[in-house]
Amino acid sequence: MYTFSYYLVERSKALSSLPTAYWTLVPVAVRIPEEFLGPMISQGHRFPGFMQKGFEIMALPDTLPAFTPDEYLAFERSSESKHEYLDGLIYAMAGSSPEHSTICVNVSEVSTRQLRGTPCRPFSADMKIRCLSAPTTTRRRRGLFAYPDLLVVCGEPVFHDMQQDVLVNPTLIVEVLSPSTEAYDRGEKFLRYQELASLTDYVLVAQRYPCLEHFAKQAHGQWLLTIETHLSGSIFIASINCHLPLAEVYEWVQFPTSDAPASTSNA
């Protein structure tokens, strides 16, 4: 095993939806299997943007290393913690709050109960999805690998490769919002998700107050937004024939008293 020290990308809360030039760098160290880095080091391979000291590779703070999707997957499959990938950059995933974890379990249980005996199958947050972008003229895009909080695939699951840990044909994606990732989930990530031809529904779940936002794909690529904020209400996802009652989604969740439901208008 080699110690691989480099700079992961961390988005600040205020700048989470801005381009990569506005991201900050956080030094971390992880351990990489010898079979991944060993051959490249022994052959004198130089890593762009890195300075090399023996078997330790240090990233320069003013340079962002760019990884290919294959390099990300090789790294991620050897890592003990989760990371996501966006346009050549790898960034660590933060731990979840008790409320976030509870909501994820509730949404999974509610949807799984209704999907039994149907052609649609749920997947937990341990399953990655891939969105590989077409080249653009505005900036270089290498694609996205992400861990949604819940996935549903209708029909036969299609995987990125033989490892079967990356799906490419989700029907429904659910993300539970956190303060540090909300702008990203609403912005850049949703734009990338829309590149998935199979995706018909995207659901955002607030955790500081009761609110479900359901984006349903319409004809000609338009998306229809439905918002439900009452605990007595529910949203219906026609593509998988499932209801998500807010009372069940938010069971056991304690909302902060400082956050009023009216704040959903600014979410």
Foldseek 3Di string as FASTA:
>chain_A
DFKEKEWAWAAFLVCQQPDPVPTATDIDIFDADCVLCVVCVVVVHDFPQWDDDPRYIYGDRVDAGFDAPVNVVNRQVRGPADWKDWQRGIHGDDDDDPLQVLLLVLVVVQLVVLLPPAQKDKDAQQAKEWQADDQDPPDRTRTIIHRFRMFMAGHDWDAPDPVRRYTQATQETEHEDDSRCNSVVVPPVVVSVLSRPNYAWYWYAYRQAGKIWIWGADPPRHTDIDMDRDQQDWDADVVSGGIGRSVSSRPPRDHDPVDDSVCVVVD
